Amino acid sequence: MAREVTLRLPDATADRLEAAACAAGQSVDEIGARAIEEALRQEELPGIEFRTFNGERHACVEGAMQIWQLVMNAEGWNFDVQTTAKYFPIAPYPIEAAFNYYRAYPEEIDRALAENRSWTYERLKQVLPQIELFTVPRDADDVDPLAS
């Protein structure tokens, strides 16, 4: 459900909005609604920012990685902030912000995770025929660098 809201923008801002919509091939309504939604989310969840990757907008840990990437790795550590912080060069506070974002918008992050997980070796081979599959065996006495 969408509701119409009227905004008065300075001429220069309206011009920039129209230019952004034209560049993205979207309507002023679509770009404006997205910008407002992203601004509200950033206000509600400090430490989160939005960036464009391959023409798509993604929620990111401010100054770092996309939230879905952090979540993908943190799942293995049961979303423990301290353990996740050992692995990534990100302070605990932004990691907690990313987890809060995931709790608030799980469908969005789960969609990105599903897309990433859909990339099988066979699918990659279709896109990059020159790649080769190799495996590295892990010995029983290999040390987990995060265990300490």
C-alpha atoms as a PDB file:
ATOM      1  CA  MET A   1       0.000   0.000   0.000  1.00  0.00           C
ATOM      2  CA  ALA A   2       1.305   3.426  -0.876  1.00  0.00           C
ATOM      3  CA  ARG A   3       0.078   6.819   0.175  1.00  0.00           C
ATOM      4  CA  GLU A   4       0.605  10.025  -1.726  1.00  0.00           C
ATOM      5  CA  VAL A   5       2.511  12.724   0.157  1.00  0.00           C
ATOM      6  CA  THR A   6       3.319  16.160  -1.233  1.00  0.00           C
ATOM      7  CA  LEU A   7       6.716  17.695  -0.551  1.00  0.00           C
ATOM      8  CA  ARG A   8       8.050  21.115  -1.377  1.00  0.00           C
ATOM      9  CA  LEU A   9      11.693  20.955  -2.401  1.00  0.00           C
ATOM     10  CA  PRO A  10      14.074  23.759  -3.259  1.00  0.00           C
ATOM     11  CA  ASP A  11      14.449  24.069  -7.041  1.00  0.00           C
ATOM     12  CA  ALA A  12      18.043  22.822  -6.967  1.00  0.00           C
ATOM     13  CA  THR A  13      17.051  19.743  -4.956  1.00  0.00           C
ATOM     14  CA  ALA A  14      14.129  18.989  -7.270  1.00  0.00           C
ATOM     15  CA  ASP A  15      16.457  19.308 -10.267  1.00  0.00           C
ATOM     16  CA  ARG A  16      18.932  16.867  -8.700  1.00  0.00           C
ATOM     17  CA  LEU A  17      16.114  14.436  -7.892  1.00  0.00           C
ATOM     18  CA  GLU A  18      14.865  14.559 -11.483  1.00  0.00           C
ATOM     19  CA  ALA A  19      18.406  14.055 -12.820  1.00  0.00           C
ATOM     20  CA  ALA A  20      18.947  11.073 -10.504  1.00  0.00           C
ATOM     21  CA  ALA A  21      15.649   9.526 -11.623  1.00  0.00           C
ATOM     22  CA  CYS A  22      16.557  10.020 -15.272  1.00  0.00           C
ATOM     23  CA  ALA A  23      20.024   8.497 -14.779  1.00  0.00           C
ATOM     24  CA  ALA A  24      18.534   5.479 -12.988  1.00  0.00           C
ATOM     25  CA  GLY A  25      15.746   5.029 -15.511  1.00  0.00           C
ATOM     26  CA  GLN A  26      13.173   5.343 -12.747  1.00  0.00           C
ATOM     27  CA  SER A  27      10.450   7.810 -11.878  1.00  0.00           C
ATOM     28  CA  VAL A  28      10.925  10.748  -9.539  1.00  0.00           C
ATOM     29  CA  ASP A  29       8.438   9.025  -7.215  1.00  0.00           C
ATOM     30  CA  GLU A  30      10.523   5.828  -7.103  1.00  0.00           C
ATOM     31  CA  ILE A  31      13.825   7.587  -6.492  1.00  0.00           C
ATOM     32  CA  GLY A  32      12.316   9.999  -3.970  1.00  0.00           C
ATOM     33  CA  ALA A  33      10.572   7.230  -2.016  1.00  0.00           C
ATOM     34  CA  ARG A  34      13.765   5.157  -1.963  1.00  0.00           C
ATOM     35  CA  ALA A  35      15.840   8.113  -0.775  1.00  0.00           C
ATOM     36  CA  ILE A  36      13.403   8.897   2.030  1.00  0.00           C
ATOM     37  CA  GLU A  37      13.171   5.237   3.098  1.00  0.00           C
ATOM     38  CA  GLU A  38      16.956   4.904   3.158  1.00  0.00           C
ATOM     39  CA  ALA A  39      17.351   8.158   5.099  1.00  0.00           C
ATOM     40  CA  LEU A  40      14.804   6.992   7.684  1.00  0.00           C
ATOM     41  CA  ARG A  41      16.536   3.627   8.080  1.00  0.00           C
ATOM     42  CA  GLN A  42      19.922   5.327   8.518  1.00  0.00           C
ATOM     43  CA  GLU A  43      18.405   7.618  11.134  1.00  0.00           C
ATOM     44  CA  GLU A  44      16.820   4.695  12.983  1.00  0.00           C
ATOM     45  CA  LEU A  45      19.906   2.469  12.753  1.00  0.00           C
ATOM     46  CA  PRO A  46      23.090   4.538  13.096  1.00  0.00           C
ATOM     47  CA  GLY A  47      26.107   2.857  11.555  1.00  0.00           C
ATOM     48  CA  ILE A  48      24.214   1.779   8.424  1.00  0.00           C
ATOM     49  CA  GLU A  49      24.562   3.331   4.979  1.00  0.00           C
ATOM     50  CA  PHE A  50      23.304   2.514   1.507  1.00  0.00           C
ATOM     51  CA  ARG A  51      25.445   2.051  -1.584  1.00  0.00           C
ATOM     52  CA  THR A  52      24.867   0.961  -5.156  1.00  0.00           C
ATOM     53  CA  PHE A  53      26.337  -2.320  -6.404  1.00  0.00           C
ATOM     54  CA  ASN A  54      25.707  -3.373 -10.000  1.00  0.00           C
ATOM     55  CA  GLY A  55      22.774  -0.970 -10.202  1.00  0.00           C
ATOM     56  CA  GLU A  56      21.142  -2.222  -6.999  1.00  0.00           C
ATOM     57  CA  ARG A  57      21.011  -0.478  -3.638  1.00  0.00           C
ATOM     58  CA  HIS A  58      22.288  -2.445  -0.640  1.00  0.00           C
ATOM     59  CA  ALA A  59      22.405  -1.741   3.072  1.00  0.00           C
ATOM     60  CA  CYS A  60      26.009  -1.659   4.293  1.00  0.00           C
ATOM     61  CA  VAL A  61      27.952  -1.369   7.489  1.00  0.00           C
ATOM     62  CA  GLU A  62      29.112   2.234   7.355  1.00  0.00           C
ATOM     63  CA  GLY A  63      32.513   2.402   5.695  1.00  0.00           C
ATOM     64  CA  ALA A  64      32.692  -1.355   5.323  1.00  0.00           C
ATOM     65  CA  MET A  65      30.834  -4.241   3.720  1.00  0.00           C
ATOM     66  CA  GLN A  66      27.314  -5.108   2.692  1.00  0.00           C
ATOM     67  CA  ILE A  67      25.208  -6.320   5.601  1.00  0.00           C
ATOM     68  CA  TRP A  68      24.264  -9.589   3.900  1.00  0.00           C
ATOM     69  CA  GLN A  69      27.975 -10.453   3.627  1.00  0.00           C
ATOM     70  CA  LEU A  70      28.514  -9.892   7.332  1.00  0.00           C
ATOM     71  CA  VAL A  71      25.371 -11.860   8.203  1.00  0.00           C
ATOM     72  CA  MET A  72      26.429 -14.754   5.946  1.00  0.00           C
ATOM     73  CA  ASN A  73      29.614 -15.160   7.977  1.00  0.00           C
ATOM     74  CA  ALA A  74      28.135 -14.343  11.380  1.00  0.00           C
ATOM     75  CA  GLU A  75      25.515 -17.106  11.071  1.00  0.00           C
ATOM     76  CA  GLY A  76      28.282 -19.610  11.737  1.00  0.00           C
ATOM     77  CA  TRP A  77      29.083 -17.857  15.007  1.00  0.00           C
ATOM     78  CA  ASN A  78      25.412 -17.591  16.107  1.00  0.00           C
ATOM     79  CA  PHE A  79      25.547 -13.841  15.530  1.00  0.00           C
ATOM     80  CA  ASP A  80      28.019 -13.335  18.347  1.00  0.00           C
ATOM     81  CA  VAL A  81      29.272  -9.755  17.983  1.00  0.00           C
ATOM     82  CA  GLN A  82      32.652 -10.319  19.654  1.00  0.00           C
ATOM     83  CA  THR A  83      33.505 -13.408  17.600  1.00  0.00           C
ATOM     84  CA  THR A  84      32.457 -11.660  14.404  1.00  0.00           C
ATOM     85  CA  ALA A  85      34.604  -8.652  15.342  1.00  0.00           C
ATOM     86  CA  LYS A  86      37.637 -10.944  15.672  1.00  0.00           C
ATOM     87  CA  TYR A  87      37.263 -11.989  12.054  1.00  0.00           C
ATOM     88  CA  PHE A  88      36.453  -8.621  10.434  1.00  0.00           C
ATOM     89  CA  PRO A  89      38.318  -5.338  10.880  1.00  0.00           C
ATOM     90  CA  ILE A  90      35.090  -3.751  12.122  1.00  0.00           C
ATOM     91  CA  ALA A  91      34.413  -2.557  15.659  1.00  0.00           C
ATOM     92  CA  PRO A  92      31.674  -4.326  17.629  1.00  0.00           C
ATOM     93  CA  TYR A  93      29.246  -1.364  17.514  1.00  0.00           C
ATOM     94  CA  PRO A  94      28.783  -1.359  13.706  1.00  0.00           C
ATOM     95  CA  ILE A  95      28.483  -5.154  13.743  1.00  0.00           C
ATOM     96  CA  GLU A  96      25.670  -4.865  16.282  1.00  0.00           C
ATOM     97  CA  ALA A  97      24.068  -2.203  14.033  1.00  0.00           C
ATOM     98  CA  ALA A  98      24.211  -4.654  11.114  1.00  0.00           C
ATOM     99  CA  PHE A  99      22.586  -7.383  13.204  1.00  0.00           C
ATOM    100  CA  ASN A 100      19.881  -4.905  14.275  1.00  0.00           C
ATOM    101  CA  TYR A 101      19.289  -4.081  10.606  1.00  0.00           C
ATOM    102  CA  TYR A 102      18.944  -7.770   9.824  1.00  0.00           C
ATOM    103  CA  ARG A 103      16.422  -8.185  12.643  1.00  0.00           C
ATOM    104  CA  ALA A 104      14.451  -5.187  11.324  1.00  0.00           C
ATOM    105  CA  TYR A 105      14.580  -6.148   7.616  1.00  0.00           C
ATOM    106  CA  PRO A 106      15.186  -9.903   7.412  1.00  0.00           C
ATOM    107  CA  GLU A 107      13.390 -10.349   4.058  1.00  0.00           C
ATOM    108  CA  GLU A 108      15.774  -7.931   2.343  1.00  0.00           C
ATOM    109  CA  ILE A 109      18.920  -9.565   3.708  1.00  0.00           C
ATOM    110  CA  ASP A 110      17.587 -13.106   3.236  1.00  0.00           C
ATOM    111  CA  ARG A 111      16.884 -12.281  -0.426  1.00  0.00           C
ATOM    112  CA  ALA A 112      20.514 -11.180  -0.931  1.00  0.00           C
ATOM    113  CA  LEU A 113      21.758 -14.294   0.894  1.00  0.00           C
ATOM    114  CA  ALA A 114      19.621 -16.531  -1.317  1.00  0.00           C
ATOM    115  CA  GLU A 115      20.946 -14.830  -4.446  1.00  0.00           C
ATOM    116  CA  ASN A 116      24.519 -15.335  -3.282  1.00  0.00           C
ATOM    117  CA  ARG A 117      23.898 -18.972  -2.376  1.00  0.00           C
ATOM    118  CA  SER A 118      22.395 -19.614  -5.801  1.00  0.00           C
ATOM    119  CA  TRP A 119      25.861 -19.253  -7.360  1.00  0.00           C
ATOM    120  CA  THR A 120      26.944 -22.852  -7.706  1.00  0.00           C
ATOM    121  CA  TYR A 121      30.161 -23.922  -9.388  1.00  0.00           C
ATOM    122  CA  GLU A 122      28.135 -24.953 -12.438  1.00  0.00           C
ATOM    123  CA  ARG A 123      26.523 -21.515 -12.666  1.00  0.00           C
ATOM    124  CA  LEU A 124      29.891 -19.802 -12.278  1.00  0.00           C
ATOM    125  CA  LYS A 125      31.373 -22.050 -14.967  1.00  0.00           C
ATOM    126  CA  GLN A 126      28.688 -20.848 -17.394  1.00  0.00           C
ATOM    127  CA  VAL A 127      29.649 -17.225 -16.759  1.00  0.00           C
ATOM    128  CA  LEU A 128      33.399 -17.821 -16.403  1.00  0.00           C
ATOM    129  CA  PRO A 129      34.274 -20.875 -18.501  1.00  0.00           C
ATOM    130  CA  GLN A 130      37.982 -20.577 -17.694  1.00  0.00           C
ATOM    131  CA  ILE A 131      37.572 -21.237 -13.966  1.00  0.00           C
ATOM    132  CA  GLU A 132      38.666 -24.522 -12.461  1.00  0.00           C
ATOM    133  CA  LEU A 133      37.514 -26.187  -9.283  1.00  0.00           C
ATOM    134  CA  PHE A 134      40.103 -27.152  -6.722  1.00  0.00           C
ATOM    135  CA  THR A 135      39.886 -28.174  -3.099  1.00  0.00           C
ATOM    136  CA  VAL A 136      42.274 -27.869  -0.205  1.00  0.00           C
ATOM    137  CA  PRO A 137      41.999 -30.691   2.307  1.00  0.00           C
ATOM    138  CA  ARG A 138      41.862 -29.682   5.941  1.00  0.00           C
ATOM    139  CA  ASP A 139      43.810 -31.718   8.446  1.00  0.00           C
ATOM    140  CA  ALA A 140      42.334 -32.641  11.806  1.00  0.00           C
ATOM    141  CA  ASP A 141      45.096 -30.685  13.558  1.00  0.00           C
ATOM    142  CA  ASP A 142      44.484 -27.435  11.599  1.00  0.00           C
ATOM    143  CA  VAL A 143      43.993 -24.572  14.036  1.00  0.00           C
ATOM    144  CA  ASP A 144      40.923 -22.352  13.854  1.00  0.00           C
ATOM    145  CA  PRO A 145      42.317 -18.776  13.940  1.00  0.00           C
ATOM    146  CA  LEU A 146      39.166 -17.559  15.693  1.00  0.00           C
ATOM    147  CA  ALA A 147      39.243 -20.141  18.458  1.00  0.00           C
ATOM    148  CA  SER A 148      41.705 -18.208  20.584  1.00  0.00           C
END
